[in-house]
Structures are given as structure tokens and as C-alpha cells.
Amino acid sequence: MAVGMRSCEELGRLDIGPSLRTRVNGWRIALAAGCLVASLIARTPVEADEFDPLVAYEEARVLNDQWQACAASFVRKRLRSQQTAERLAERALDRCRVRQSRLSRFLTGRIGRKEASSVMALLREKYRSGLVAAIMELRARD
């Protein structure tokens, strides 16, 4: 390992402030989701009747984008509220449950209930931490 580089385990043990911890956790979640997608993509070539993760990902992208756009729209209208960034992000995701459920049902049909549940939990946490960071940044600009 190069000088100045730290392993993920070492980063997890560092005493960091809440702002940096949120960013580090966001990167960890994004990395975990990326590893999940990479593991699906790295499989052997797909036969005609086999599951193709790339096709599923492309089909799910529209539903995923709709979920993110819904949450962003909710937050945008309430940036100046007195709610904490964490609470506002949670409310945004809760308000967009219908779109989240559409994506979850799609993934359940493609990859099964257990895997879809895991992916949705990762995505929800990733989007929650991303919304919190965006809210804090946008509020700091004002």
C-alpha cells in the first residue's frame, strides 16, 4: 500500500466529525452498491433465456430516476424550513414511497425478494445521505 493510503478498515476507525462521517458513509454505500452491480455484470455471458443484469439495470434506471427526482423536488421546496437536514431527507424519501415501491416491485420481479430488499436498503441509505449532504451544502450557500 502506498504511503499516505489507508485501508477501508483504518478509515472506519478514524475519529472524524459528523460532516465528514456522512460523506465517508455515503462513499461506502456507493462503493457497496457499485460492487453489487459489478458482481452482477462480471458473470459469464448470458444465454437467451438467462437473466441479464445490464438489461435489468437499464430498465430500472427510469424508475430509479423518478424516485430521486421526487425526493429532490420535495427537498427543493423546503430548503428554508427549520427542519434538520436529516429529518428533511427522511421526509422526502417517505413522501416518495410510491416511486420507491415501484422500483422495489420491479427489482423483486427481476432478482427476487431478498436481493431486491438488500438493493433497496442500500439505495435508500445512499440517497438519504446524499440528500443530507446536498441540503447542508445548499443551506450553507444562503
Protein backbone atom coordinates (compact mmCIF):
# COMPACT_ATOMS: atom_id res chain seq x y z
CA MET A 1 0.00 0.00 0.00
CA ALA A 2 1.34 3.43 -0.89
CA VAL A 3 2.46 5.88 1.77
CA GLY A 4 -0.47 8.01 2.91
CA MET A 5 -3.05 5.47 1.71
CA ARG A 6 -5.30 3.89 4.31
CA SER A 7 -7.37 0.76 4.12
CA CYS A 8 -11.15 0.89 4.49
CA GLU A 9 -10.82 -0.68 7.95
CA GLU A 10 -8.42 2.05 9.06
CA LEU A 11 -10.78 4.74 7.74
CA GLY A 12 -13.62 3.18 9.71
CA ARG A 13 -11.65 3.53 12.95
CA LEU A 14 -10.73 7.19 12.49
CA ASP A 15 -12.40 9.74 14.75
CA ILE A 16 -14.00 12.12 12.26
CA GLY A 17 -16.62 14.81 12.55
CA PRO A 18 -20.26 14.24 11.59
CA SER A 19 -19.98 16.09 8.27
CA LEU A 20 -17.04 14.01 7.07
CA ARG A 21 -18.57 10.85 8.54
CA THR A 22 -21.69 11.42 6.39
CA ARG A 23 -19.54 11.79 3.28
CA VAL A 24 -17.45 8.72 4.16
CA ASN A 25 -20.58 6.67 4.82
CA GLY A 26 -22.05 7.90 1.53
CA TRP A 27 -18.94 6.74 -0.30
CA ARG A 28 -19.04 3.38 1.49
CA ILE A 29 -22.65 2.85 0.47
CA ALA A 30 -21.92 3.93 -3.10
CA LEU A 31 -18.93 1.57 -3.17
CA ALA A 32 -21.05 -1.29 -1.84
CA ALA A 33 -23.75 -0.64 -4.43
CA GLY A 34 -21.08 -0.43 -7.15
CA CYS A 35 -19.60 -3.74 -6.02
CA LEU A 36 -23.06 -5.30 -6.14
CA VAL A 37 -23.64 -4.07 -9.68
CA ALA A 38 -20.13 -5.11 -10.72
CA SER A 39 -20.65 -8.60 -9.34
CA LEU A 40 -23.83 -8.91 -11.36
CA ILE A 41 -22.11 -7.64 -14.51
CA ALA A 42 -18.97 -9.76 -14.11
CA ARG A 43 -20.82 -13.03 -14.58
CA THR A 44 -20.40 -15.30 -17.57
CA PRO A 45 -22.02 -14.38 -20.90
CA VAL A 46 -25.79 -14.52 -20.88
CA GLU A 47 -27.74 -17.09 -22.86
CA ALA A 48 -31.02 -16.05 -24.46
CA ASP A 49 -33.20 -17.29 -21.56
CA GLU A 50 -30.90 -16.17 -18.71
CA PHE A 51 -31.20 -13.10 -16.54
CA ASP A 52 -29.21 -10.15 -17.89
CA PRO A 53 -28.31 -7.66 -15.11
CA LEU A 54 -27.46 -4.92 -17.62
CA VAL A 55 -30.93 -5.09 -19.14
CA ALA A 56 -32.49 -5.07 -15.68
CA TYR A 57 -30.35 -2.10 -14.66
CA GLU A 58 -31.33 -0.12 -17.77
CA GLU A 59 -35.00 -0.91 -17.27
CA ALA A 60 -34.80 0.05 -13.58
CA ARG A 61 -32.98 3.30 -14.32
CA VAL A 62 -36.16 5.17 -15.26
CA LEU A 63 -37.88 4.09 -12.03
CA ASN A 64 -34.78 4.95 -10.03
CA ASP A 65 -34.53 8.39 -11.65
CA GLN A 66 -38.20 9.07 -10.90
CA TRP A 67 -37.65 8.20 -7.24
CA GLN A 68 -34.64 10.52 -6.98
CA ALA A 69 -36.41 13.35 -8.82
CA CYS A 70 -39.40 13.07 -6.48
CA ALA A 71 -37.19 13.34 -3.39
CA ALA A 72 -35.19 16.24 -4.84
CA SER A 73 -38.38 18.11 -5.71
CA PHE A 74 -39.71 17.67 -2.18
CA VAL A 75 -36.45 18.96 -0.67
CA ARG A 76 -36.13 21.88 -3.10
CA LYS A 77 -39.47 23.31 -1.94
CA ARG A 78 -38.49 23.05 1.73
CA LEU A 79 -34.83 24.07 1.84
CA ARG A 80 -35.56 27.11 4.00
CA SER A 81 -37.60 25.16 6.55
CA GLN A 82 -36.42 24.82 10.13
CA GLN A 83 -36.14 21.02 9.86
CA THR A 84 -32.75 19.41 10.22
CA ALA A 85 -31.18 18.14 7.01
CA GLU A 86 -31.57 14.56 8.27
CA ARG A 87 -35.27 14.99 9.03
CA LEU A 88 -35.95 16.72 5.72
CA ALA A 89 -34.18 13.94 3.80
CA GLU A 90 -36.20 11.27 5.64
CA ARG A 91 -39.45 13.11 4.96
CA ALA A 92 -38.55 13.43 1.27
CA LEU A 93 -37.91 9.70 0.96
CA ASP A 94 -41.05 8.88 2.94
CA ARG A 95 -43.11 11.18 0.70
CA CYS A 96 -41.80 9.32 -2.37
CA ARG A 97 -42.70 5.81 -1.15
CA VAL A 98 -44.91 5.16 -4.19
CA ARG A 99 -41.96 5.58 -6.56
CA GLN A 100 -39.69 3.62 -4.23
CA SER A 101 -42.26 0.80 -4.20
CA ARG A 102 -42.42 0.74 -8.00
CA LEU A 103 -38.67 0.27 -8.19
CA SER A 104 -38.77 -2.35 -5.43
CA ARG A 105 -41.52 -4.35 -7.18
CA PHE A 106 -39.60 -4.20 -10.45
CA LEU A 107 -36.40 -5.44 -8.79
CA THR A 108 -38.28 -8.16 -6.91
CA GLY A 109 -39.59 -9.47 -10.22
CA ARG A 110 -36.11 -9.45 -11.73
CA ILE A 111 -33.78 -10.55 -8.93
CA GLY A 112 -36.02 -11.93 -6.18
CA ARG A 113 -37.38 -10.56 -2.92
CA LYS A 114 -34.29 -10.99 -0.75
CA GLU A 115 -31.86 -9.42 -3.22
CA ALA A 116 -34.28 -6.62 -4.08
CA SER A 117 -34.71 -5.84 -0.39
CA SER A 118 -30.93 -5.60 0.05
CA VAL A 119 -30.51 -3.38 -3.00
CA MET A 120 -33.35 -1.10 -1.91
CA ALA A 121 -31.90 -0.73 1.59
CA LEU A 122 -28.54 0.25 0.10
CA LEU A 123 -30.14 2.69 -2.33
CA ARG A 124 -32.33 4.29 0.32
CA GLU A 125 -29.35 4.87 2.63
CA LYS A 126 -27.24 6.16 -0.26
CA TYR A 127 -29.95 8.61 -1.33
CA ARG A 128 -30.66 9.67 2.26
CA SER A 129 -27.01 10.51 2.90
CA GLY A 130 -26.74 12.23 -0.49
CA LEU A 131 -29.82 14.34 0.24
CA VAL A 132 -28.48 15.30 3.66
CA ALA A 133 -25.17 16.41 2.12
CA ALA A 134 -26.95 18.36 -0.64
CA ILE A 135 -29.29 20.07 1.83
CA MET A 136 -26.39 21.09 4.04
CA GLU A 137 -24.41 22.41 1.08
CA LEU A 138 -27.33 24.37 -0.38
CA ARG A 139 -28.21 25.86 3.01
CA ALA A 140 -24.58 26.88 3.53
CA ARG A 141 -24.66 28.87 0.27
CA ASP A 142 -27.53 31.05 1.50
